Amino acid sequence: MPTDPTHWPHVKALFEEALAHPPGTRTDFLDSACEDNAALRAEVERLLAADQNADDFLDDSSALFGPLLDDLPTHLHRVDPLY
């Protein structure tokens, strides 16, 4: 694990910059931003993959649970405070 205190803020900044680029241009961005630092690039790519997997999970969940929610009686769609 890197001991440089600026390492993780740098990784986070590159990750956030990469997210701002369309997926098709991220490779070029990482080529430029990481230059010859393969370890840095690998960390940013892992974060990008995890972010994509999280999005995929949420997309899959709504497809799975959406029809179940549609079948609930209307009065169960809202939560009323308990008095």
N, C-alpha and C. Protein backbone atom coordinates (compact mmCIF):
# COMPACT_ATOMS: atom_id res chain seq x y z
N MET A 1 0.85 -1.18 0.00
CA MET A 1 0.00 0.00 0.00
C MET A 1 0.90 1.24 0.00
N PRO A 2 0.61 2.21 -0.88
CA PRO A 2 1.44 3.39 -0.95
C PRO A 2 1.40 4.20 0.34
N THR A 3 2.55 4.75 0.71
CA THR A 3 2.62 5.55 1.92
C THR A 3 2.61 7.04 1.63
N ASP A 4 2.66 7.42 0.38
CA ASP A 4 2.61 8.82 -0.01
C ASP A 4 1.21 9.38 0.30
N PRO A 5 1.12 10.41 1.16
CA PRO A 5 -0.20 10.93 1.53
C PRO A 5 -0.96 11.56 0.38
N THR A 6 -0.31 11.84 -0.72
CA THR A 6 -1.01 12.42 -1.87
C THR A 6 -1.49 11.37 -2.86
N HIS A 7 -1.16 10.10 -2.60
CA HIS A 7 -1.50 9.04 -3.55
C HIS A 7 -3.01 8.90 -3.75
N TRP A 8 -3.76 8.65 -2.67
CA TRP A 8 -5.20 8.41 -2.82
C TRP A 8 -5.96 9.63 -3.32
N PRO A 9 -5.61 10.83 -2.85
CA PRO A 9 -6.29 11.99 -3.44
C PRO A 9 -6.04 12.10 -4.95
N HIS A 10 -4.83 11.72 -5.38
CA HIS A 10 -4.51 11.75 -6.81
C HIS A 10 -5.33 10.70 -7.56
N VAL A 11 -5.41 9.49 -7.01
CA VAL A 11 -6.20 8.42 -7.63
C VAL A 11 -7.66 8.86 -7.72
N LYS A 12 -8.18 9.41 -6.63
CA LYS A 12 -9.58 9.85 -6.60
C LYS A 12 -9.83 10.94 -7.64
N ALA A 13 -8.91 11.89 -7.75
CA ALA A 13 -9.07 12.97 -8.72
C ALA A 13 -9.06 12.44 -10.15
N LEU A 14 -8.16 11.50 -10.45
CA LEU A 14 -8.12 10.92 -11.79
C LEU A 14 -9.39 10.11 -12.08
N PHE A 15 -9.86 9.38 -11.08
CA PHE A 15 -11.09 8.61 -11.22
C PHE A 15 -12.26 9.54 -11.55
N GLU A 16 -12.39 10.63 -10.79
CA GLU A 16 -13.48 11.57 -11.03
C GLU A 16 -13.35 12.24 -12.39
N GLU A 17 -12.12 12.55 -12.81
CA GLU A 17 -11.91 13.12 -14.14
C GLU A 17 -12.29 12.11 -15.21
N ALA A 18 -11.91 10.85 -15.01
CA ALA A 18 -12.23 9.81 -15.98
C ALA A 18 -13.74 9.64 -16.12
N LEU A 19 -14.46 9.72 -15.00
CA LEU A 19 -15.92 9.61 -15.05
C LEU A 19 -16.55 10.73 -15.86
N ALA A 20 -15.89 11.88 -15.89
CA ALA A 20 -16.43 13.02 -16.64
C ALA A 20 -16.28 12.82 -18.15
N HIS A 21 -15.43 11.89 -18.55
CA HIS A 21 -15.25 11.59 -19.98
C HIS A 21 -16.23 10.50 -20.40
N PRO A 22 -16.72 10.58 -21.62
CA PRO A 22 -17.55 9.47 -22.12
C PRO A 22 -16.74 8.17 -22.12
N PRO A 23 -17.38 7.04 -21.86
CA PRO A 23 -16.64 5.77 -21.79
C PRO A 23 -15.71 5.52 -22.97
N GLY A 24 -16.09 5.93 -24.16
CA GLY A 24 -15.27 5.68 -25.33
C GLY A 24 -13.98 6.49 -25.39
N THR A 25 -13.88 7.54 -24.58
CA THR A 25 -12.66 8.36 -24.60
C THR A 25 -11.81 8.19 -23.35
N ARG A 26 -12.23 7.33 -22.44
CA ARG A 26 -11.49 7.17 -21.18
C ARG A 26 -10.11 6.55 -21.38
N THR A 27 -9.99 5.65 -22.34
CA THR A 27 -8.68 5.04 -22.60
C THR A 27 -7.67 6.11 -22.99
N ASP A 28 -8.05 7.00 -23.89
CA ASP A 28 -7.14 8.08 -24.29
C ASP A 28 -6.83 8.98 -23.10
N PHE A 29 -7.84 9.28 -22.29
CA PHE A 29 -7.61 10.12 -21.11
C PHE A 29 -6.60 9.44 -20.18
N LEU A 30 -6.80 8.15 -19.90
CA LEU A 30 -5.89 7.45 -19.00
C LEU A 30 -4.49 7.32 -19.58
N ASP A 31 -4.39 7.15 -20.90
CA ASP A 31 -3.07 7.13 -21.55
C ASP A 31 -2.31 8.41 -21.22
N SER A 32 -3.01 9.52 -21.34
CA SER A 32 -2.38 10.82 -21.11
C SER A 32 -2.15 11.09 -19.63
N ALA A 33 -3.15 10.81 -18.81
CA ALA A 33 -3.08 11.16 -17.39
C ALA A 33 -2.12 10.27 -16.59
N CYS A 34 -2.05 9.00 -16.94
CA CYS A 34 -1.24 8.06 -16.17
C CYS A 34 0.14 7.84 -16.77
N GLU A 35 0.32 8.26 -18.01
CA GLU A 35 1.58 8.11 -18.73
C GLU A 35 2.11 6.68 -18.57
N ASP A 36 3.28 6.52 -17.96
CA ASP A 36 3.88 5.18 -17.82
C ASP A 36 3.65 4.56 -16.45
N ASN A 37 2.75 5.12 -15.66
CA ASN A 37 2.49 4.60 -14.32
C ASN A 37 1.38 3.56 -14.38
N ALA A 38 1.79 2.32 -14.63
CA ALA A 38 0.83 1.22 -14.80
C ALA A 38 0.04 0.95 -13.53
N ALA A 39 0.68 1.09 -12.37
CA ALA A 39 -0.02 0.83 -11.10
C ALA A 39 -1.12 1.86 -10.87
N LEU A 40 -0.83 3.12 -11.15
CA LEU A 40 -1.82 4.18 -11.01
C LEU A 40 -2.99 3.92 -11.96
N ARG A 41 -2.68 3.60 -13.18
CA ARG A 41 -3.73 3.34 -14.16
C ARG A 41 -4.60 2.15 -13.74
N ALA A 42 -3.97 1.11 -13.23
CA ALA A 42 -4.71 -0.08 -12.80
C ALA A 42 -5.67 0.27 -11.66
N GLU A 43 -5.23 1.12 -10.73
CA GLU A 43 -6.11 1.51 -9.63
C GLU A 43 -7.32 2.29 -10.13
N VAL A 44 -7.08 3.22 -11.04
CA VAL A 44 -8.17 4.02 -11.59
C VAL A 44 -9.11 3.12 -12.40
N GLU A 45 -8.57 2.20 -13.17
CA GLU A 45 -9.41 1.28 -13.94
C GLU A 45 -10.24 0.38 -13.04
N ARG A 46 -9.69 -0.04 -11.90
CA ARG A 46 -10.46 -0.86 -10.94
C ARG A 46 -11.63 -0.05 -10.39
N LEU A 47 -11.39 1.21 -10.08
CA LEU A 47 -12.47 2.06 -9.58
C LEU A 47 -13.55 2.27 -10.64
N LEU A 48 -13.12 2.46 -11.88
CA LEU A 48 -14.08 2.63 -12.98
C LEU A 48 -14.92 1.37 -13.16
N ALA A 49 -14.27 0.21 -13.08
CA ALA A 49 -14.99 -1.06 -13.22
C ALA A 49 -15.98 -1.25 -12.07
N ALA A 50 -15.57 -0.91 -10.85
CA ALA A 50 -16.46 -1.04 -9.70
C ALA A 50 -17.65 -0.10 -9.85
N ASP A 51 -17.41 1.09 -10.34
CA ASP A 51 -18.49 2.05 -10.56
C ASP A 51 -19.48 1.51 -11.59
N GLN A 52 -18.96 0.93 -12.66
CA GLN A 52 -19.84 0.37 -13.69
C GLN A 52 -20.63 -0.80 -13.15
N ASN A 53 -19.98 -1.66 -12.34
CA ASN A 53 -20.67 -2.80 -11.75
C ASN A 53 -21.79 -2.34 -10.82
N ALA A 54 -21.55 -1.26 -10.08
CA ALA A 54 -22.59 -0.73 -9.19
C ALA A 54 -23.78 -0.24 -10.01
N ASP A 55 -23.51 0.44 -11.12
CA ASP A 55 -24.60 0.89 -11.99
C ASP A 55 -25.37 -0.29 -12.56
N ASP A 56 -24.64 -1.32 -12.98
CA ASP A 56 -25.29 -2.51 -13.54
C ASP A 56 -26.17 -3.18 -12.49
N PHE A 57 -25.68 -3.24 -11.26
CA PHE A 57 -26.46 -3.86 -10.18
C PHE A 57 -27.77 -3.10 -9.98
N LEU A 58 -27.68 -1.78 -9.93
CA LEU A 58 -28.90 -1.00 -9.74
C LEU A 58 -29.85 -1.15 -10.91
N ASP A 59 -29.33 -1.19 -12.13
CA ASP A 59 -30.18 -1.38 -13.30
C ASP A 59 -30.86 -2.75 -13.24
N ASP A 60 -30.11 -3.78 -12.88
CA ASP A 60 -30.66 -5.13 -12.79
C ASP A 60 -31.70 -5.22 -11.68
N SER A 61 -31.45 -4.53 -10.56
CA SER A 61 -32.38 -4.59 -9.43
C SER A 61 -33.72 -3.98 -9.79
N SER A 62 -33.70 -2.86 -10.48
CA SER A 62 -34.97 -2.23 -10.82
C SER A 62 -35.75 -3.11 -11.80
N ALA A 63 -35.05 -3.78 -12.68
CA ALA A 63 -35.74 -4.67 -13.61
C ALA A 63 -36.33 -5.87 -12.87
N LEU A 64 -35.64 -6.31 -11.84
CA LEU A 64 -36.11 -7.46 -11.08
C LEU A 64 -37.25 -7.10 -10.14
N PHE A 65 -37.11 -6.00 -9.41
CA PHE A 65 -38.09 -5.66 -8.39
C PHE A 65 -39.20 -4.75 -8.88
N GLY A 66 -38.99 -4.05 -9.97
CA GLY A 66 -40.01 -3.15 -10.50
C GLY A 66 -41.36 -3.81 -10.69
N PRO A 67 -41.42 -4.96 -11.37
CA PRO A 67 -42.73 -5.62 -11.55
C PRO A 67 -43.37 -6.03 -10.23
N LEU A 68 -42.56 -6.39 -9.24
CA LEU A 68 -43.12 -6.75 -7.94
C LEU A 68 -43.79 -5.54 -7.29
N LEU A 69 -43.14 -4.38 -7.41
CA LEU A 69 -43.72 -3.17 -6.83
C LEU A 69 -44.99 -2.77 -7.56
N ASP A 70 -45.03 -3.00 -8.86
CA ASP A 70 -46.22 -2.66 -9.63
C ASP A 70 -47.44 -3.47 -9.18
N ASP A 71 -47.19 -4.67 -8.65
CA ASP A 71 -48.28 -5.53 -8.23
C ASP A 71 -48.79 -5.24 -6.82
N LEU A 72 -48.09 -4.37 -6.08
CA LEU A 72 -48.53 -4.04 -4.73
C LEU A 72 -49.80 -3.20 -4.77
N PRO A 73 -50.67 -3.39 -3.80
CA PRO A 73 -51.83 -2.51 -3.72
C PRO A 73 -51.36 -1.06 -3.55
N THR A 74 -52.09 -0.13 -4.10
CA THR A 74 -51.71 1.27 -4.11
C THR A 74 -51.43 1.81 -2.71
N HIS A 75 -52.20 1.39 -1.72
CA HIS A 75 -52.00 1.94 -0.38
C HIS A 75 -50.66 1.52 0.23
N LEU A 76 -50.00 0.53 -0.32
CA LEU A 76 -48.69 0.12 0.19
C LEU A 76 -47.55 0.88 -0.48
N HIS A 77 -47.83 1.72 -1.44
CA HIS A 77 -46.79 2.46 -2.14
C HIS A 77 -46.29 3.65 -1.35
N ARG A 78 -47.01 4.06 -0.33
CA ARG A 78 -46.58 5.20 0.46
C ARG A 78 -46.38 4.76 1.91
N VAL A 79 -45.59 5.53 2.60
CA VAL A 79 -45.36 5.24 4.01
C VAL A 79 -45.96 6.37 4.82
N ASP A 80 -46.89 6.02 5.69
CA ASP A 80 -47.51 7.02 6.56
C ASP A 80 -46.80 7.00 7.91
N PRO A 81 -46.67 8.17 8.53
CA PRO A 81 -46.10 8.19 9.88
C PRO A 81 -47.00 7.43 10.86
N LEU A 82 -46.38 6.80 11.79
CA LEU A 82 -47.13 6.07 12.81
C LEU A 82 -47.51 7.03 13.93
N TYR A 83 -48.76 7.03 14.32
CA TYR A 83 -49.22 7.91 15.41
C TYR A 83 -49.78 7.07 16.52
